[in-house]
Amino acid sequence: MAIDINEPAVLDSQIVEIEDMKAMLSCSRQGVTRAIHNFKIPQPMDSNGLKGTPRWTVGMMRKWNVFIGEKALEASIRHYEKTKKWRL
């Protein structure tokens, strides 16, 4: 079962292993790698998991989501200021 990073009871320090990430994204390990390269998820904090697998924390994922949201908002504002039109 995937970790719910939006659940307030889940601590920011909770470790997210590669298997958790695969479950959260509903993809394979290669899909996780693609998500990293496409900036959908952050780079792992280390590779100290079981057998040297990558790990993240819930806090990293939460901060990443806020960061991506802020970038999308900034892009929308720039577009609006440039065209005075909303783009959906």
Protein backbone atom coordinates (compact mmCIF):
# COMPACT_ATOMS: atom_id res chain seq x y z
CA MET A 1 0.00 0.00 0.00
CA ALA A 2 1.33 3.42 -0.98
CA ILE A 3 2.12 6.08 1.58
CA ASP A 4 -0.40 8.92 1.46
CA ILE A 5 1.79 12.03 1.54
CA ASN A 6 -1.32 14.20 1.92
CA GLU A 7 -2.34 12.48 5.16
CA PRO A 8 -1.54 14.91 8.02
CA ALA A 9 -0.79 12.01 10.39
CA VAL A 10 2.16 10.93 8.20
CA LEU A 11 5.30 12.66 9.46
CA ASP A 12 7.60 14.61 7.14
CA SER A 13 10.46 12.39 8.29
CA GLN A 14 8.73 9.20 7.07
CA ILE A 15 11.05 7.41 4.64
CA VAL A 16 9.69 6.67 1.17
CA GLU A 17 11.43 3.66 -0.40
CA ILE A 18 11.45 2.86 -4.11
CA GLU A 19 8.64 0.32 -3.65
CA ASP A 20 6.51 3.01 -1.99
CA MET A 21 7.27 5.42 -4.83
CA LYS A 22 6.34 2.78 -7.42
CA ALA A 23 3.01 2.26 -5.63
CA MET A 24 2.35 6.01 -5.32
CA LEU A 25 3.00 6.56 -9.03
CA SER A 26 1.50 3.23 -10.17
CA CYS A 27 4.56 2.51 -12.26
CA SER A 28 7.69 0.40 -12.55
CA ARG A 29 11.16 1.29 -11.30
CA GLN A 30 11.91 2.59 -14.79
CA GLY A 31 8.80 4.77 -14.52
CA VAL A 32 10.17 6.26 -11.29
CA THR A 33 13.46 6.99 -13.07
CA ARG A 34 11.56 8.69 -15.90
CA ALA A 35 9.54 10.71 -13.37
CA ILE A 36 12.81 11.96 -11.82
CA HIS A 37 14.28 12.88 -15.21
CA ASN A 38 11.05 14.66 -16.20
CA PHE A 39 10.99 16.60 -12.91
CA LYS A 40 7.72 15.01 -11.79
CA ILE A 41 9.36 13.96 -8.52
CA PRO A 42 12.58 15.16 -6.85
CA GLN A 43 15.92 13.40 -6.94
CA PRO A 44 16.20 10.90 -4.07
CA MET A 45 18.00 12.09 -0.95
CA ASP A 46 20.30 9.06 -0.97
CA SER A 47 20.67 5.46 -2.02
CA ASN A 48 20.98 3.98 1.44
CA GLY A 49 17.82 1.89 1.25
CA LEU A 50 17.74 -1.87 1.14
CA LYS A 51 20.43 -3.02 -1.33
CA GLY A 52 21.33 0.59 -2.15
CA THR A 53 17.92 1.62 -3.40
CA PRO A 54 16.91 5.30 -3.60
CA ARG A 55 14.97 6.92 -0.76
CA TRP A 56 12.99 10.08 -0.25
CA THR A 57 11.10 11.50 2.71
CA VAL A 58 7.43 12.46 2.83
CA GLY A 59 8.57 16.01 3.60
CA MET A 60 10.61 16.09 0.38
CA MET A 61 7.59 15.04 -1.62
CA ARG A 62 5.35 17.62 0.05
CA LYS A 63 7.85 20.42 -0.53
CA TRP A 64 8.32 19.31 -4.13
CA ASN A 65 4.57 19.49 -4.75
CA VAL A 66 4.47 23.02 -3.32
CA PHE A 67 7.49 24.01 -5.44
CA ILE A 68 5.93 22.63 -8.65
CA GLY A 69 2.63 24.34 -7.81
CA GLU A 70 4.40 27.68 -7.28
CA LYS A 71 6.22 27.35 -10.62
CA ALA A 72 2.95 26.58 -12.41
CA LEU A 73 1.31 29.60 -10.76
CA GLU A 74 4.21 31.87 -11.76
CA ALA A 75 3.99 30.63 -15.37
CA SER A 76 0.23 31.27 -15.39
CA ILE A 77 0.71 34.78 -14.04
CA ARG A 78 3.40 35.55 -16.64
CA HIS A 79 1.14 34.26 -19.40
CA TYR A 80 -1.81 36.29 -18.14
CA GLU A 81 0.25 39.48 -17.82
CA LYS A 82 1.59 38.98 -21.33
CA THR A 83 -1.72 38.17 -23.05
CA LYS A 84 -4.37 39.20 -20.54
CA LYS A 85 -6.04 35.88 -21.39
CA TRP A 86 -6.43 32.75 -19.32
CA ARG A 87 -5.12 29.52 -20.78
CA LEU A 88 -6.72 26.21 -19.84
